[in-house]
Amino acid sequence: MTEIPRILPVDDHDQEWIANVHPENWKNPEPADRYHLVVIGAGTAGLVSAIGSASLGARVALVERHLMGGDCLNVGCVPSKGVIRAARAWQAVAEGPAYGAPVAAGDGDFAAAMRRMRRLRAKISQVDSAARYRDLGVDVFLGEGRFVGPDAMEVGGARLEFRRAVIATGARASAPPIPGLEEAGYLTNETIFSLEERPGRFAVIGAGPIGCEMGQAFARLGSEVHLLEKTDHILPREDQDAARIVEQAMLRDGVRLECASEITGVERKGDEKVLRYQCGGHPKSITVDQILVSVGRAPNVEGLDLEVAGVEYDRHGVTVDDRLRTSNPRIYAAGDIAGRYKFTHVADAHAQIVIRNALFFGRARASRLVIPWCTYTSPEIAHVGMYEKDAKEMGYAVDTITVSLDENDRALLDGEDAGFFRVHLEAGKDKILGATLITEHAGEMISEISLAMTAGLGLSRIGSTIHPYPTQADVFRRAASVWRKRKLTPLAKKILSFMLRIVR
């Protein structure tokens, strides 16, 4: 069995966690003669593929070389949101006097915040445990898996023959080729959650979702945070005015932001790290205690012997068609290894497609998915569907409506009015092409728009739906009201006025 990397710290919570997701004395089962489905990788895509197929009566093998649960449980969604929740609690205490609350005294306990995160991760890990999947009828193999033919793979000396297989090995954090970075040492999302001591000075390279989330969280937890980004604003995927709202919030929280910067080198000096970079044509440097790298991800394709199975891949991952089939029609791929959108909920949706298409000759297509996502900063940015530029590139004429949260009573009362809702409609219609929401709980709210798009409901149907008052979600109804007013052209007004005069 492959030895898993040492994970620090190993407290009681970590021991419980590892006992669930990679038990030390696990004994692999005797393989079946042939499996309906062999799943390689026990992250979200793999777990859902395995349990969904087994629940339908398929004989399933699940192969995992490291930790059951994948990135999301172990080093991604779960621990990061635990840290973000702690940071929000600390920030709420700091902002309490503005609401008449008592002034807090003393420093917070960073180690306690991290212990809470690890305790909750351990509890949640029960759901993804090897024992649970075994008890639900899945043959769980812990170890390195590799293909030995177009319809077979090997793990721990055992040969697993299959009718169908799905590659769900995910992706890992990657680091840019910065001189001296490897020698100086750095953190990624895979190691940051093992911290027990708060970094006094903390550099974050990359202002994408992970960099912004962790940069803001650690600033709120008391670190001096320097966030460096090579583009001219944070969250480059998002609309610039939306990203600017988050940027201003991060600056208020004490993040020191350097956009349009190019890192030229890193040097270690004792326990410190000196990071040198160019910004605005001027050489600069900062000295920090820790560096977090959050600039991209690399697909986990190494060691699988994909060539033996006839599976094509490149630096972006495994090549799939719209039905998630690889170049070997027996083998599918799902999740981060096979998709542009590297989100847990997309991996789940991919797995549902694989189950239908691989086992039951379905024709489900990935391109038909309506995909929302959220960056969990404060405020959050949630988006679904197309941005305006994407819609125009696809040939749509677009009507865009933007409603500010400072027009929403609940947002004003909550002190959360620095945000907006923006919806893109097909011109002349109420068909929703995409939407962006910036507010504290945008991730919880965007699903109303996702549901409407999935069900083919237009903005007018949202506008005719009664929303409780006062709620921030009423901003959706407000956008529908703006749309209706735009449809009230001068000619329509004249006709309506004429009709009213007749019936007076």
Protein backbone atom coordinates (compact mmCIF):
# COMPACT_ATOMS: atom_id res chain seq x y z
CA MET A 1 0.00 0.00 0.00
CA THR A 2 1.24 3.50 -0.81
CA GLU A 3 2.46 5.37 2.24
CA ILE A 4 0.54 8.61 2.67
CA PRO A 5 2.47 11.84 3.22
CA ARG A 6 2.94 12.90 6.82
CA ILE A 7 0.26 15.39 7.87
CA LEU A 8 0.99 17.87 10.64
CA PRO A 9 -0.14 18.49 13.28
CA VAL A 10 -1.38 15.04 14.25
CA ASP A 11 -3.72 15.76 17.14
CA ASP A 12 -6.74 13.71 18.20
CA HIS A 13 -8.90 15.30 15.51
CA ASP A 14 -6.36 14.54 12.80
CA GLN A 15 -6.05 10.95 13.99
CA GLU A 16 -9.82 10.53 13.71
CA TRP A 17 -9.78 12.16 10.27
CA ILE A 18 -6.98 9.95 8.90
CA ALA A 19 -8.56 6.84 10.42
CA ASN A 20 -11.61 7.57 8.30
CA VAL A 21 -10.05 8.61 4.99
CA HIS A 22 -6.93 6.40 4.92
CA PRO A 23 -7.02 3.84 7.74
CA GLU A 24 -3.57 2.52 8.57
CA ASN A 25 -4.43 -1.19 8.64
CA TRP A 26 -6.84 -1.23 5.72
CA LYS A 27 -7.04 -4.57 3.91
CA ASN A 28 -7.96 -4.41 0.24
CA PRO A 29 -10.68 -6.88 -0.80
CA GLU A 30 -10.30 -9.74 -3.23
CA PRO A 31 -11.21 -8.30 -6.64
CA ALA A 32 -14.31 -9.45 -8.48
CA ASP A 33 -13.97 -11.24 -11.80
CA ARG A 34 -15.17 -8.10 -13.61
CA TYR A 35 -16.62 -4.81 -12.47
CA HIS A 36 -19.38 -2.79 -14.04
CA LEU A 37 -17.41 0.31 -13.04
CA VAL A 38 -13.91 0.93 -11.71
CA VAL A 39 -13.46 4.43 -10.29
CA ILE A 40 -9.95 5.89 -9.98
CA GLY A 41 -9.87 8.66 -7.39
CA ALA A 42 -12.05 9.11 -4.31
CA GLY A 43 -12.70 12.82 -4.46
CA THR A 44 -16.19 14.17 -5.06
CA ALA A 45 -16.51 12.93 -8.66
CA GLY A 46 -15.20 9.49 -7.74
CA LEU A 47 -17.24 9.08 -4.57
CA VAL A 48 -20.51 10.10 -6.24
CA SER A 49 -19.79 7.87 -9.25
CA ALA A 50 -19.06 4.91 -6.97
CA ILE A 51 -21.91 5.22 -4.50
CA GLY A 52 -24.46 6.19 -7.13
CA SER A 53 -23.57 3.21 -9.30
CA ALA A 54 -23.45 0.75 -6.38
CA SER A 55 -26.85 1.92 -5.14
CA LEU A 56 -28.29 1.00 -8.54
CA GLY A 57 -26.92 -2.53 -8.32
CA ALA A 58 -23.63 -2.17 -10.18
CA ARG A 59 -20.50 -3.96 -9.03
CA VAL A 60 -18.07 -1.13 -8.30
CA ALA A 61 -14.41 -0.82 -7.33
CA LEU A 62 -13.03 2.45 -5.97
CA VAL A 63 -9.27 3.09 -6.04
CA GLU A 64 -7.62 5.85 -3.96
CA ARG A 65 -3.89 6.35 -3.44
CA HIS A 66 -4.07 9.04 -0.77
CA LEU A 67 -7.11 10.40 1.11
CA MET A 68 -10.76 9.51 0.61
CA GLY A 69 -12.75 12.69 0.11
CA GLY A 70 -10.22 14.35 -2.17
CA ASP A 71 -9.34 18.02 -2.07
CA CYS A 72 -12.77 19.23 -0.98
CA LEU A 73 -12.88 17.40 2.34
CA ASN A 74 -9.20 17.32 3.17
CA VAL A 75 -7.51 20.48 1.90
CA GLY A 76 -10.17 22.52 0.13
CA CYS A 77 -13.79 23.48 0.70
CA VAL A 78 -14.21 22.06 4.19
CA PRO A 79 -11.09 23.36 5.99
CA SER A 80 -11.07 26.68 4.12
CA LYS A 81 -14.66 27.48 5.07
CA GLY A 82 -13.86 26.54 8.67
CA VAL A 83 -11.05 29.11 8.68
CA ILE A 84 -13.20 31.71 6.92
CA ARG A 85 -15.98 31.25 9.50
CA ALA A 86 -13.53 31.84 12.32
CA ALA A 87 -12.21 34.97 10.56
CA ARG A 88 -15.75 36.32 10.16
CA ALA A 89 -16.42 35.77 13.85
CA TRP A 90 -13.26 37.69 14.73
CA GLN A 91 -14.28 40.48 12.35
CA ALA A 92 -17.78 40.64 13.84
CA VAL A 93 -16.24 41.18 17.27
CA ALA A 94 -13.99 43.93 15.90
CA GLU A 95 -16.96 45.68 14.25
CA GLY A 96 -19.27 45.19 17.23
CA PRO A 97 -18.94 48.72 18.67
CA ALA A 98 -20.42 50.15 15.45
CA TYR A 99 -23.63 48.31 16.39
CA GLY A 100 -23.50 49.29 20.04
CA ALA A 101 -21.86 46.06 21.18
CA PRO A 102 -19.23 46.09 23.93
CA VAL A 103 -15.58 46.59 23.01
CA ALA A 104 -13.59 43.33 23.08
CA ALA A 105 -10.25 43.13 24.87
CA GLY A 106 -7.25 40.91 24.22
CA ASP A 107 -6.00 38.89 21.25
CA GLY A 108 -7.78 35.93 19.70
CA ASP A 109 -6.65 32.31 19.87
CA PHE A 110 -5.52 31.32 16.37
CA ALA A 111 -4.63 27.78 17.45
CA ALA A 112 -8.15 27.31 18.84
CA ALA A 113 -9.66 28.46 15.55
CA MET A 114 -7.56 25.89 13.67
CA ARG A 115 -8.44 23.14 16.15
CA ARG A 116 -12.12 23.88 15.58
CA MET A 117 -11.59 23.51 11.85
CA ARG A 118 -9.81 20.17 12.29
CA ARG A 119 -12.49 18.90 14.68
CA LEU A 120 -15.23 19.64 12.17
CA ARG A 121 -13.22 18.17 9.28
CA ALA A 122 -12.82 14.97 11.27
CA LYS A 123 -16.56 14.82 11.93
CA ILE A 124 -17.47 15.42 8.28
CA SER A 125 -14.90 12.84 7.13
CA GLN A 126 -17.11 10.03 8.46
CA VAL A 127 -19.33 10.51 5.41
CA ASP A 128 -16.41 9.88 3.01
CA SER A 129 -14.75 7.13 5.03
CA ALA A 130 -13.40 3.96 3.49
CA ALA A 131 -15.40 1.86 5.94
CA ARG A 132 -18.69 3.56 5.01
CA TYR A 133 -18.18 2.96 1.31
CA ARG A 134 -17.22 -0.67 1.95
CA ASP A 135 -20.37 -1.15 4.02
CA LEU A 136 -22.44 0.35 1.21
CA GLY A 137 -21.23 -2.28 -1.23
CA VAL A 138 -18.21 -0.64 -2.88
CA ASP A 139 -14.91 -2.55 -3.10
CA VAL A 140 -12.44 0.03 -1.77
CA PHE A 141 -8.79 -0.38 -2.79
CA LEU A 142 -6.23 1.92 -1.16
CA GLY A 143 -3.03 2.16 -3.16
CA GLU A 144 -1.51 3.26 -6.46
CA GLY A 145 -3.68 2.34 -9.42
CA ARG A 146 -2.44 2.12 -13.00
CA PHE A 147 -3.93 0.90 -16.24
CA VAL A 148 -2.58 -2.36 -17.64
CA GLY A 149 -4.81 -2.44 -20.70
CA PRO A 150 -7.87 -0.79 -22.27
CA ASP A 151 -10.22 -2.63 -19.91
CA ALA A 152 -8.12 -3.40 -16.84
CA MET A 153 -6.07 -1.76 -14.14
CA GLU A 154 -3.84 -2.91 -11.32
CA VAL A 155 -3.62 -1.80 -7.69
CA GLY A 156 -1.49 -3.38 -4.99
CA GLY A 157 -0.83 -6.45 -7.19
CA ALA A 158 -4.54 -7.03 -7.81
CA ARG A 159 -5.97 -6.89 -11.34
CA LEU A 160 -9.31 -5.09 -11.74
CA GLU A 161 -11.08 -5.82 -15.01
CA PHE A 162 -13.95 -3.55 -15.98
CA ARG A 163 -16.76 -2.96 -18.39
CA ARG A 164 -16.44 0.78 -17.81
CA ALA A 165 -14.08 2.99 -15.80
CA VAL A 166 -14.02 6.62 -14.74
CA ILE A 167 -10.88 8.66 -14.09
CA ALA A 168 -11.54 11.09 -11.23
CA THR A 169 -8.05 11.79 -9.92
CA GLY A 170 -8.55 15.56 -9.68
CA ALA A 171 -5.86 18.22 -9.69
CA ARG A 172 -3.26 19.61 -7.32
CA ALA A 173 -1.81 23.02 -6.51
CA SER A 174 0.96 24.17 -8.85
CA ALA A 175 3.66 26.77 -8.29
CA PRO A 176 5.14 29.27 -10.78
CA PRO A 177 8.83 29.00 -11.70
CA ILE A 178 10.01 31.78 -9.38
CA PRO A 179 13.76 31.68 -8.66
CA GLY A 180 14.40 30.61 -5.07
CA LEU A 181 10.78 29.75 -4.24
CA GLU A 182 11.35 26.02 -3.80
CA GLU A 183 14.44 26.60 -1.66
CA ALA A 184 12.69 29.16 0.55
CA GLY A 185 9.63 26.98 1.04
CA TYR A 186 5.98 27.86 0.62
CA LEU A 187 2.45 26.82 1.49
CA THR A 188 -0.39 25.75 -0.81
CA ASN A 189 -3.99 24.87 -0.05
CA GLU A 190 -2.65 21.38 0.67
CA THR A 191 -0.45 22.53 3.58
CA ILE A 192 -1.85 25.80 4.92
CA PHE A 193 -4.45 24.10 7.11
CA SER A 194 -1.75 22.38 9.15
CA LEU A 195 -0.65 25.72 10.61
CA GLU A 196 -0.90 25.96 14.40
CA GLU A 197 0.76 29.36 14.77
CA ARG A 198 -0.52 32.48 13.05
CA PRO A 199 2.03 33.92 10.60
CA GLY A 200 2.95 37.42 11.73
CA ARG A 201 3.72 38.45 8.14
CA PHE A 202 2.06 36.54 5.34
CA ALA A 203 2.57 36.86 1.56
CA VAL A 204 -0.06 35.49 -0.83
CA ILE A 205 0.92 34.98 -4.47
CA GLY A 206 -2.12 35.10 -6.73
CA ALA A 207 -5.40 36.98 -6.22
CA GLY A 208 -7.76 34.34 -7.55
CA PRO A 209 -10.49 32.86 -5.34
CA ILE A 210 -8.18 30.91 -3.01
CA GLY A 211 -5.70 33.77 -2.65
CA CYS A 212 -8.41 36.32 -1.90
CA GLU A 213 -10.30 34.04 0.49
CA MET A 214 -7.23 33.10 2.50
CA GLY A 215 -5.63 36.54 2.27
CA GLN A 216 -8.68 38.25 3.73
CA ALA A 217 -9.24 35.52 6.33
CA PHE A 218 -5.69 35.66 7.66
CA ALA A 219 -5.79 39.47 7.73
CA ARG A 220 -8.93 39.26 9.87
CA LEU A 221 -7.19 36.71 12.08
CA GLY A 222 -4.39 39.19 12.73
CA SER A 223 -1.68 38.49 10.16
CA GLU A 224 -0.02 41.27 8.17
CA VAL A 225 -1.02 40.12 4.69
CA HIS A 226 0.63 41.11 1.40
CA LEU A 227 -1.34 39.98 -1.66
CA LEU A 228 0.49 40.06 -5.01
CA GLU A 229 -1.31 39.69 -8.35
CA LYS A 230 0.15 39.93 -11.85
CA THR A 231 -3.04 41.34 -13.46
CA ASP A 232 -4.38 44.82 -12.80
CA HIS A 233 -7.12 43.76 -10.36
CA ILE A 234 -8.04 40.87 -8.09
CA LEU A 235 -10.34 38.06 -9.22
CA PRO A 236 -9.57 38.59 -12.91
CA ARG A 237 -12.36 36.24 -14.00
CA GLU A 238 -15.02 38.51 -12.52
CA ASP A 239 -16.36 41.82 -13.82
CA GLN A 240 -13.95 44.55 -12.79
CA ASP A 241 -16.51 46.60 -10.83
CA ALA A 242 -17.55 43.47 -8.92
CA ALA A 243 -13.95 42.62 -8.09
CA ARG A 244 -13.37 46.21 -7.00
CA ILE A 245 -16.03 45.91 -4.27
CA VAL A 246 -14.23 42.89 -2.80
CA GLU A 247 -10.91 44.66 -3.22
CA GLN A 248 -12.09 47.64 -1.18
CA ALA A 249 -13.36 45.32 1.54
CA MET A 250 -10.01 43.54 1.68
CA LEU A 251 -8.15 46.83 1.92
CA ARG A 252 -10.40 47.85 4.83
CA ASP A 253 -9.52 44.57 6.51
CA GLY A 254 -5.83 45.45 6.27
CA VAL A 255 -4.71 43.44 3.22
CA ARG A 256 -1.79 45.16 1.48
CA LEU A 257 -2.50 44.71 -2.20
CA GLU A 258 0.03 44.90 -5.04
CA CYS A 259 -1.59 44.38 -8.46
CA ALA A 260 0.29 44.39 -11.79
CA SER A 261 3.30 42.97 -9.98
CA GLU A 262 5.90 40.53 -11.28
CA ILE A 263 7.78 38.43 -8.72
CA THR A 264 11.46 38.15 -9.59
CA GLY A 265 12.79 35.98 -6.80
CA VAL A 266 12.55 34.65 -3.24
CA GLU A 267 15.39 34.25 -0.75
CA ARG A 268 15.39 32.58 2.63
CA LYS A 269 17.15 34.37 5.50
CA GLY A 270 16.96 32.28 8.64
CA ASP A 271 13.29 31.85 9.51
CA GLU A 272 12.30 34.71 7.22
CA LYS A 273 11.64 34.83 3.49
CA VAL A 274 12.46 37.86 1.34
CA LEU A 275 10.23 38.21 -1.69
CA ARG A 276 11.39 40.54 -4.49
CA TYR A 277 9.12 41.87 -7.22
CA GLN A 278 8.54 44.62 -9.77
CA CYS A 279 5.48 46.84 -9.49
CA GLY A 280 4.84 49.92 -11.61
CA GLY A 281 8.35 49.67 -13.01
CA HIS A 282 9.90 49.91 -9.54
CA PRO A 283 11.77 47.12 -7.71
CA LYS A 284 10.29 46.27 -4.32
CA SER A 285 10.74 43.65 -1.63
CA ILE A 286 8.91 42.37 1.44
CA THR A 287 10.06 40.16 4.29
CA VAL A 288 7.54 37.61 5.54
CA ASP A 289 7.23 34.53 7.70
CA GLN A 290 5.13 32.43 5.33
CA ILE A 291 4.24 32.42 1.62
CA LEU A 292 1.02 31.00 0.22
CA VAL A 293 1.07 30.14 -3.50
CA SER A 294 -2.38 30.15 -5.13
CA VAL A 295 -1.85 30.61 -8.85
CA GLY A 296 -3.20 27.50 -10.51
CA ARG A 297 -3.70 23.76 -10.52
CA ALA A 298 -2.15 20.84 -12.38
CA PRO A 299 -4.06 17.66 -13.34
CA ASN A 300 -3.17 14.41 -11.58
CA VAL A 301 -2.32 12.26 -14.59
CA GLU A 302 1.09 10.94 -13.53
CA GLY A 303 1.51 7.26 -12.73
CA LEU A 304 -1.79 6.15 -14.26
CA ASP A 305 -0.22 4.78 -17.47
CA LEU A 306 -2.96 6.40 -19.50
CA GLU A 307 -1.11 5.58 -22.72
CA VAL A 308 -1.56 1.87 -22.02
CA ALA A 309 -5.32 2.40 -21.83
CA GLY A 310 -5.40 4.56 -24.96
CA VAL A 311 -6.53 7.64 -23.03
CA GLU A 312 -5.41 10.99 -24.44
CA TYR A 313 -4.47 13.88 -22.15
CA ASP A 314 -2.56 17.16 -22.13
CA ARG A 315 -1.37 19.72 -19.58
CA HIS A 316 -4.99 20.66 -18.85
CA GLY A 317 -6.07 17.11 -18.01
CA VAL A 318 -7.78 14.16 -19.66
CA THR A 319 -9.43 14.90 -23.01
CA VAL A 320 -13.18 14.17 -23.00
CA ASP A 321 -16.15 14.75 -25.27
CA ASP A 322 -19.43 16.35 -24.24
CA ARG A 323 -20.58 13.07 -22.70
CA LEU A 324 -17.35 12.87 -20.66
CA ARG A 325 -15.99 9.94 -22.69
CA THR A 326 -12.23 9.75 -23.19
CA SER A 327 -10.50 8.58 -26.37
CA ASN A 328 -11.06 5.04 -25.00
CA PRO A 329 -14.86 4.60 -25.21
CA ARG A 330 -14.79 2.29 -22.19
CA ILE A 331 -13.31 5.00 -19.99
CA TYR A 332 -14.86 8.25 -18.81
CA ALA A 333 -13.39 11.15 -16.82
CA ALA A 334 -15.06 13.51 -14.38
CA GLY A 335 -14.30 16.40 -12.05
CA ASP A 336 -11.17 18.55 -11.98
CA ILE A 337 -9.23 16.15 -14.21
CA ALA A 338 -11.66 16.69 -17.07
CA GLY A 339 -13.35 20.04 -16.70
CA ARG A 340 -12.76 23.74 -17.13
CA TYR A 341 -14.75 24.48 -13.98
CA LYS A 342 -12.88 23.01 -11.01
CA PHE A 343 -15.61 23.07 -8.37
CA THR A 344 -16.93 20.37 -6.07
CA HIS A 345 -20.50 20.83 -7.26
CA VAL A 346 -19.39 20.45 -10.89
CA ALA A 347 -17.58 17.21 -9.99
CA ASP A 348 -20.83 15.97 -8.45
CA ALA A 349 -22.76 16.90 -11.61
CA HIS A 350 -20.13 15.21 -13.80
CA ALA A 351 -20.51 12.02 -11.78
CA GLN A 352 -24.26 11.99 -12.41
CA ILE A 353 -23.56 12.26 -16.15
CA VAL A 354 -21.04 9.41 -15.98
CA ILE A 355 -23.49 7.11 -14.19
CA ARG A 356 -26.16 7.66 -16.84
CA ASN A 357 -23.86 7.48 -19.83
CA ALA A 358 -21.46 4.72 -18.77
CA LEU A 359 -23.91 2.28 -17.21
CA PHE A 360 -27.19 2.91 -18.99
CA PHE A 361 -26.29 4.18 -22.48
CA GLY A 362 -27.53 7.66 -21.61
CA ARG A 363 -26.91 10.76 -23.66
CA ALA A 364 -26.39 13.35 -20.92
CA ARG A 365 -24.10 16.23 -21.90
CA ALA A 366 -21.82 18.39 -19.80
CA SER A 367 -22.51 21.43 -21.97
CA ARG A 368 -26.12 21.48 -20.77
CA LEU A 369 -25.16 22.08 -17.16
CA VAL A 370 -26.07 25.43 -15.61
CA ILE A 371 -23.04 26.07 -13.41
CA PRO A 372 -22.97 28.55 -10.52
CA TRP A 373 -19.89 29.34 -8.45
CA CYS A 374 -18.96 31.50 -5.52
CA THR A 375 -15.84 33.13 -4.11
CA TYR A 376 -16.22 33.12 -0.32
CA THR A 377 -14.69 36.46 0.48
CA SER A 378 -16.57 39.09 2.46
CA PRO A 379 -18.64 40.10 0.61
CA GLU A 380 -19.02 37.00 -1.52
CA ILE A 381 -19.16 37.03 -5.31
CA ALA A 382 -21.50 34.45 -6.84
CA HIS A 383 -22.03 33.96 -10.55
CA VAL A 384 -24.02 31.66 -12.81
CA GLY A 385 -24.13 31.30 -16.57
CA MET A 386 -22.46 33.71 -18.97
CA TYR A 387 -20.81 37.06 -18.45
CA GLU A 388 -21.84 39.79 -20.87
CA LYS A 389 -18.72 39.39 -23.00
CA ASP A 390 -19.28 35.61 -23.21
CA ALA A 391 -22.88 36.09 -24.34
CA LYS A 392 -21.87 38.57 -27.01
CA GLU A 393 -19.14 36.25 -28.26
CA MET A 394 -21.82 33.58 -28.67
CA GLY A 395 -23.89 35.93 -30.82
CA TYR A 396 -26.46 37.12 -28.30
CA ALA A 397 -27.72 40.68 -28.19
CA VAL A 398 -27.72 41.40 -24.46
CA ASP A 399 -29.76 43.55 -22.09
CA THR A 400 -28.05 44.01 -18.73
CA ILE A 401 -29.77 45.14 -15.53
CA THR A 402 -27.80 46.08 -12.42
CA VAL A 403 -29.48 46.78 -9.07
CA SER A 404 -27.37 48.11 -6.19
CA LEU A 405 -27.74 46.61 -2.74
CA ASP A 406 -27.93 50.13 -1.29
CA GLU A 407 -31.49 50.11 -2.65
CA ASN A 408 -32.32 47.03 -0.55
CA ASP A 409 -33.67 47.72 2.96
CA ARG A 410 -32.34 44.50 4.53
CA ALA A 411 -28.86 45.08 3.13
CA LEU A 412 -28.88 48.60 4.59
CA LEU A 413 -30.05 47.33 7.99
CA ASP A 414 -27.42 44.58 7.97
CA GLY A 415 -24.66 47.02 7.04
CA GLU A 416 -24.06 44.93 3.91
CA ASP A 417 -25.07 47.37 1.17
CA ALA A 418 -21.71 47.40 -0.70
CA GLY A 419 -22.75 45.11 -3.52
CA PHE A 420 -25.11 44.59 -6.42
CA PHE A 421 -27.12 42.11 -8.46
CA ARG A 422 -26.48 42.04 -12.20
CA VAL A 423 -28.47 39.96 -14.66
CA HIS A 424 -27.86 39.50 -18.40
CA LEU A 425 -30.94 38.88 -20.55
CA GLU A 426 -31.36 38.03 -24.19
CA ALA A 427 -32.32 41.36 -25.77
CA GLY A 428 -36.07 41.82 -26.10
CA LYS A 429 -36.78 38.78 -23.92
CA ASP A 430 -36.65 37.87 -20.24
CA LYS A 431 -34.45 34.81 -20.85
CA ILE A 432 -31.63 34.81 -18.28
CA LEU A 433 -28.21 34.26 -19.82
CA GLY A 434 -26.16 34.85 -16.69
CA ALA A 435 -26.04 36.73 -13.41
CA THR A 436 -23.62 38.02 -10.78
CA LEU A 437 -24.40 38.78 -7.15
CA ILE A 438 -22.11 40.50 -4.65
CA THR A 439 -23.22 40.40 -1.02
CA GLU A 440 -22.33 38.62 2.22
CA HIS A 441 -24.41 35.51 1.47
CA ALA A 442 -24.32 35.52 -2.31
CA GLY A 443 -23.48 31.82 -2.48
CA GLU A 444 -26.67 30.96 -0.58
CA MET A 445 -28.81 33.24 -2.76
CA ILE A 446 -27.60 32.59 -6.31
CA SER A 447 -29.39 29.23 -6.49
CA GLU A 448 -32.70 31.02 -7.11
CA ILE A 449 -31.26 32.25 -10.41
CA SER A 450 -29.64 28.87 -11.16
CA LEU A 451 -32.99 27.16 -10.67
CA ALA A 452 -34.73 29.63 -12.96
CA MET A 453 -32.13 29.08 -15.69
CA THR A 454 -32.24 25.29 -15.33
CA ALA A 455 -36.03 25.27 -15.50
CA GLY A 456 -36.16 27.76 -18.37
CA LEU A 457 -37.95 30.37 -16.27
CA GLY A 458 -37.50 34.00 -17.22
CA LEU A 459 -36.87 37.01 -15.01
CA SER A 460 -40.58 37.91 -15.16
CA ARG A 461 -41.45 34.69 -13.30
CA ILE A 462 -39.04 35.66 -10.54
CA GLY A 463 -40.64 39.11 -10.46
CA SER A 464 -44.11 37.59 -10.00
CA THR A 465 -42.87 35.45 -7.08
CA ILE A 466 -43.54 36.94 -3.64
CA HIS A 467 -40.34 37.38 -1.62
CA PRO A 468 -40.42 37.94 2.16
CA TYR A 469 -39.74 41.49 3.33
CA PRO A 470 -37.15 42.48 4.34
CA THR A 471 -34.70 40.11 2.66
CA GLN A 472 -31.69 40.68 0.47
CA ALA A 473 -33.12 38.15 -2.02
CA ASP A 474 -35.78 40.73 -2.83
CA VAL A 475 -33.10 42.30 -5.06
CA PHE A 476 -34.05 39.68 -7.67
CA ARG A 477 -37.65 40.88 -7.71
CA ARG A 478 -36.40 44.45 -7.90
CA ALA A 479 -34.40 43.59 -11.04
CA ALA A 480 -37.56 42.16 -12.60
CA SER A 481 -39.35 45.42 -11.83
CA VAL A 482 -36.62 47.35 -13.66
CA TRP A 483 -37.05 45.02 -16.65
CA ARG A 484 -40.82 45.55 -16.71
CA LYS A 485 -40.37 49.32 -16.62
CA ARG A 486 -37.99 49.13 -19.57
CA LYS A 487 -40.66 47.32 -21.55
CA LEU A 488 -43.06 50.19 -20.85
CA THR A 489 -42.11 52.17 -23.96
CA PRO A 490 -43.57 55.61 -24.71
CA LEU A 491 -45.94 54.01 -27.21
CA ALA A 492 -47.11 51.43 -24.67
CA LYS A 493 -47.66 54.23 -22.14
CA LYS A 494 -49.80 56.16 -24.61
CA ILE A 495 -51.91 53.07 -25.36
CA LEU A 496 -52.44 52.32 -21.67
CA SER A 497 -53.29 55.96 -20.90
CA PHE A 498 -55.83 55.97 -23.76
CA MET A 499 -57.44 52.78 -22.43
CA LEU A 500 -57.69 54.22 -18.94
CA ARG A 501 -59.33 57.39 -20.25
CA ILE A 502 -61.93 55.29 -22.03
CA VAL A 503 -62.89 53.31 -18.94
CA ARG A 504 -62.87 56.33 -16.59
